[in-house]
Amino acid sequence: MTHTRSLMLLRAFLTVAFLYFGLRKLIGYSTDVAIYEAIGFGQFPRYITGSVEVIGAALLWKRGFEGFAGLFLTATMIVGLSALLIWVGPPYWHMLVLMTASASVAFAYRDQLFGMLRQVDSGPTQD
């Protein structure tokens, strides 16, 4: 299997997973509602997290944004895992898998991310 095909399969896996978990949060699946109640910040963060996961899943397929999506989703998983470890507890193995897979996508598209950073660093061009 080629590197490109493996990366495409990894992005497909992440898309399905993040759409699943993101849409569960957005529609108010009872388990997700209970988790956010246990965290203690109300339900508003559930909508933010669900939206971030769905948007991140979509960005995995937007040409030029794959690396950003991987980084964005990795950061989301770090925050989510931290919240589970501090306020809720296990299970969190699925978050470790998603974090590792998202970080792998970000790493695979690191040149794209560095290109974005160079554009931001150079600022607007003058004609």
C-alpha atoms as a PDB file:
ATOM      1  CA  MET A   1       0.000   0.000   0.000  1.00  0.00           C
ATOM      2  CA  THR A   2       1.426   3.388  -0.931  1.00  0.00           C
ATOM      3  CA  HIS A   3       1.942   6.299   1.444  1.00  0.00           C
ATOM      4  CA  THR A   4      -0.776   8.330  -0.303  1.00  0.00           C
ATOM      5  CA  ARG A   5      -3.328   5.541  -0.063  1.00  0.00           C
ATOM      6  CA  SER A   6      -2.547   4.940   3.623  1.00  0.00           C
ATOM      7  CA  LEU A   7      -2.941   8.629   4.326  1.00  0.00           C
ATOM      8  CA  MET A   8      -6.250   8.717   2.465  1.00  0.00           C
ATOM      9  CA  LEU A   9      -7.515   5.750   4.509  1.00  0.00           C
ATOM     10  CA  LEU A  10      -6.389   7.422   7.729  1.00  0.00           C
ATOM     11  CA  ARG A  11      -8.228  10.626   6.767  1.00  0.00           C
ATOM     12  CA  ALA A  12     -11.331   8.576   5.935  1.00  0.00           C
ATOM     13  CA  PHE A  13     -11.175   6.849   9.331  1.00  0.00           C
ATOM     14  CA  LEU A  14     -10.807  10.203  11.085  1.00  0.00           C
ATOM     15  CA  THR A  15     -13.663  11.690   9.088  1.00  0.00           C
ATOM     16  CA  VAL A  16     -16.047   8.906  10.066  1.00  0.00           C
ATOM     17  CA  ALA A  17     -14.956   9.025  13.716  1.00  0.00           C
ATOM     18  CA  PHE A  18     -15.143  12.809  14.090  1.00  0.00           C
ATOM     19  CA  LEU A  19     -18.469  13.021  12.254  1.00  0.00           C
ATOM     20  CA  TYR A  20     -19.832  10.310  14.530  1.00  0.00           C
ATOM     21  CA  PHE A  21     -18.642  11.895  17.772  1.00  0.00           C
ATOM     22  CA  GLY A  22     -19.321  15.469  16.636  1.00  0.00           C
ATOM     23  CA  LEU A  23     -22.871  14.777  15.476  1.00  0.00           C
ATOM     24  CA  ARG A  24     -23.593  12.858  18.694  1.00  0.00           C
ATOM     25  CA  LYS A  25     -22.684  15.966  20.639  1.00  0.00           C
ATOM     26  CA  LEU A  26     -24.684  18.260  18.402  1.00  0.00           C
ATOM     27  CA  ILE A  27     -27.889  16.201  18.532  1.00  0.00           C
ATOM     28  CA  GLY A  28     -27.629  15.729  22.297  1.00  0.00           C
ATOM     29  CA  TYR A  29     -26.955  12.021  22.710  1.00  0.00           C
ATOM     30  CA  SER A  30     -27.665  11.233  26.377  1.00  0.00           C
ATOM     31  CA  THR A  31     -24.165   9.931  27.161  1.00  0.00           C
ATOM     32  CA  ASP A  32     -22.551  13.089  25.796  1.00  0.00           C
ATOM     33  CA  VAL A  33     -24.983  15.307  27.696  1.00  0.00           C
ATOM     34  CA  ALA A  34     -24.101  13.416  30.900  1.00  0.00           C
ATOM     35  CA  ILE A  35     -20.362  13.803  30.283  1.00  0.00           C
ATOM     36  CA  TYR A  36     -20.672  17.558  29.849  1.00  0.00           C
ATOM     37  CA  GLU A  37     -22.860  17.748  32.971  1.00  0.00           C
ATOM     38  CA  ALA A  38     -20.142  15.877  34.880  1.00  0.00           C
ATOM     39  CA  ILE A  39     -17.519  18.358  33.675  1.00  0.00           C
ATOM     40  CA  GLY A  40     -19.635  21.131  35.176  1.00  0.00           C
ATOM     41  CA  PHE A  41     -19.482  23.886  32.553  1.00  0.00           C
ATOM     42  CA  GLY A  42     -23.003  23.344  31.226  1.00  0.00           C
ATOM     43  CA  GLN A  43     -23.952  22.220  27.731  1.00  0.00           C
ATOM     44  CA  PHE A  44     -22.517  25.109  25.706  1.00  0.00           C
ATOM     45  CA  PRO A  45     -19.047  23.496  25.382  1.00  0.00           C
ATOM     46  CA  ARG A  46     -20.740  20.384  23.951  1.00  0.00           C
ATOM     47  CA  TYR A  47     -22.002  22.421  21.001  1.00  0.00           C
ATOM     48  CA  ILE A  48     -18.604  24.036  20.485  1.00  0.00           C
ATOM     49  CA  THR A  49     -16.797  20.704  20.616  1.00  0.00           C
ATOM     50  CA  GLY A  50     -19.296  19.009  18.303  1.00  0.00           C
ATOM     51  CA  SER A  51     -18.990  21.856  15.792  1.00  0.00           C
ATOM     52  CA  VAL A  52     -15.194  21.775  15.941  1.00  0.00           C
ATOM     53  CA  GLU A  53     -15.174  18.018  15.316  1.00  0.00           C
ATOM     54  CA  VAL A  54     -17.548  18.240  12.343  1.00  0.00           C
ATOM     55  CA  ILE A  55     -15.667  21.196  10.811  1.00  0.00           C
ATOM     56  CA  GLY A  56     -12.336  19.427  11.372  1.00  0.00           C
ATOM     57  CA  ALA A  57     -13.671  16.299   9.648  1.00  0.00           C
ATOM     58  CA  ALA A  58     -14.701  18.392   6.636  1.00  0.00           C
ATOM     59  CA  LEU A  59     -11.342  20.212   6.494  1.00  0.00           C
ATOM     60  CA  LEU A  60      -9.544  16.869   6.206  1.00  0.00           C
ATOM     61  CA  TRP A  61     -10.827  16.814   2.602  1.00  0.00           C
ATOM     62  CA  LYS A  62     -10.303  20.496   1.699  1.00  0.00           C
ATOM     63  CA  ARG A  63      -7.209  20.661  -0.466  1.00  0.00           C
ATOM     64  CA  GLY A  64      -4.541  22.732   1.237  1.00  0.00           C
ATOM     65  CA  PHE A  65      -6.080  22.402   4.702  1.00  0.00           C
ATOM     66  CA  GLU A  66      -5.412  18.752   5.521  1.00  0.00           C
ATOM     67  CA  GLY A  67      -2.465  19.556   7.791  1.00  0.00           C
ATOM     68  CA  PHE A  68      -4.345  22.333   9.542  1.00  0.00           C
ATOM     69  CA  ALA A  69      -7.290  19.957  10.090  1.00  0.00           C
ATOM     70  CA  GLY A  70      -4.961  17.353  11.609  1.00  0.00           C
ATOM     71  CA  LEU A  71      -3.426  19.942  13.929  1.00  0.00           C
ATOM     72  CA  PHE A  72      -6.851  21.384  14.797  1.00  0.00           C
ATOM     73  CA  LEU A  73      -8.247  17.951  15.635  1.00  0.00           C
ATOM     74  CA  THR A  74      -5.146  16.989  17.616  1.00  0.00           C
ATOM     75  CA  ALA A  75      -5.552  20.105  19.763  1.00  0.00           C
ATOM     76  CA  THR A  76      -9.236  19.269  20.225  1.00  0.00           C
ATOM     77  CA  MET A  77      -8.347  15.780  21.419  1.00  0.00           C
ATOM     78  CA  ILE A  78      -5.715  17.122  23.836  1.00  0.00           C
ATOM     79  CA  VAL A  79      -8.279  19.449  25.421  1.00  0.00           C
ATOM     80  CA  GLY A  80     -10.941  16.724  25.474  1.00  0.00           C
ATOM     81  CA  LEU A  81      -8.606  14.133  26.943  1.00  0.00           C
ATOM     82  CA  SER A  82      -7.494  16.612  29.595  1.00  0.00           C
ATOM     83  CA  ALA A  83     -11.104  17.309  30.541  1.00  0.00           C
ATOM     84  CA  LEU A  84     -11.873  13.591  30.810  1.00  0.00           C
ATOM     85  CA  LEU A  85      -8.778  12.915  32.904  1.00  0.00           C
ATOM     86  CA  ILE A  86      -9.507  15.801  35.283  1.00  0.00           C
ATOM     87  CA  TRP A  87     -13.295  15.701  35.667  1.00  0.00           C
ATOM     88  CA  VAL A  88     -14.772  12.468  34.362  1.00  0.00           C
ATOM     89  CA  GLY A  89     -12.371   9.534  34.154  1.00  0.00           C
ATOM     90  CA  PRO A  90     -12.171   6.503  31.850  1.00  0.00           C
ATOM     91  CA  PRO A  91     -12.804   5.371  29.209  1.00  0.00           C
ATOM     92  CA  TYR A  92     -10.522   7.497  27.095  1.00  0.00           C
ATOM     93  CA  TRP A  93      -8.631   5.005  24.912  1.00  0.00           C
ATOM     94  CA  HIS A  94     -10.595   6.174  21.839  1.00  0.00           C
ATOM     95  CA  MET A  95      -9.364   9.718  22.404  1.00  0.00           C
ATOM     96  CA  LEU A  96      -5.756   8.509  22.462  1.00  0.00           C
ATOM     97  CA  VAL A  97      -6.315   6.713  19.141  1.00  0.00           C
ATOM     98  CA  LEU A  98      -7.932   9.793  17.558  1.00  0.00           C
ATOM     99  CA  MET A  99      -5.220  12.084  18.917  1.00  0.00           C
ATOM    100  CA  THR A 100      -2.452   9.868  17.529  1.00  0.00           C
ATOM    101  CA  ALA A 101      -4.170   9.524  14.142  1.00  0.00           C
ATOM    102  CA  SER A 102      -4.831  13.276  13.909  1.00  0.00           C
ATOM    103  CA  ALA A 103      -1.241  14.053  14.839  1.00  0.00           C
ATOM    104  CA  SER A 104      -0.099  11.621  12.138  1.00  0.00           C
ATOM    105  CA  VAL A 105      -2.109  13.542   9.536  1.00  0.00           C
ATOM    106  CA  ALA A 106      -0.682  16.847  10.771  1.00  0.00           C
ATOM    107  CA  PHE A 107       2.829  15.377  10.582  1.00  0.00           C
ATOM    108  CA  ALA A 108       2.261  13.977   7.086  1.00  0.00           C
ATOM    109  CA  TYR A 109       1.187  17.441   5.898  1.00  0.00           C
ATOM    110  CA  ARG A 110       3.822  19.351   7.884  1.00  0.00           C
ATOM    111  CA  ASP A 111       5.206  21.031   4.751  1.00  0.00           C
ATOM    112  CA  GLN A 112       1.740  22.450   4.145  1.00  0.00           C
ATOM    113  CA  LEU A 113       1.626  23.757   7.733  1.00  0.00           C
ATOM    114  CA  PHE A 114       5.076  25.324   7.421  1.00  0.00           C
ATOM    115  CA  GLY A 115       3.943  26.962   4.175  1.00  0.00           C
ATOM    116  CA  MET A 116       0.979  28.492   5.987  1.00  0.00           C
ATOM    117  CA  LEU A 117       3.288  29.768   8.720  1.00  0.00           C
ATOM    118  CA  ARG A 118       5.625  31.315   6.138  1.00  0.00           C
ATOM    119  CA  GLN A 119       2.693  33.133   4.538  1.00  0.00           C
ATOM    120  CA  VAL A 120       1.553  34.487   7.903  1.00  0.00           C
ATOM    121  CA  ASP A 121       5.128  35.457   8.832  1.00  0.00           C
ATOM    122  CA  SER A 122       5.777  37.309   5.584  1.00  0.00           C
ATOM    123  CA  GLY A 123       2.611  39.384   5.964  1.00  0.00           C
ATOM    124  CA  PRO A 124       0.685  40.982   3.138  1.00  0.00           C
ATOM    125  CA  THR A 125       2.548  41.613  -0.071  1.00  0.00           C
ATOM    126  CA  GLN A 126       2.624  45.070  -1.567  1.00  0.00           C
ATOM    127  CA  ASP A 127       2.020  45.565  -5.260  1.00  0.00           C
END
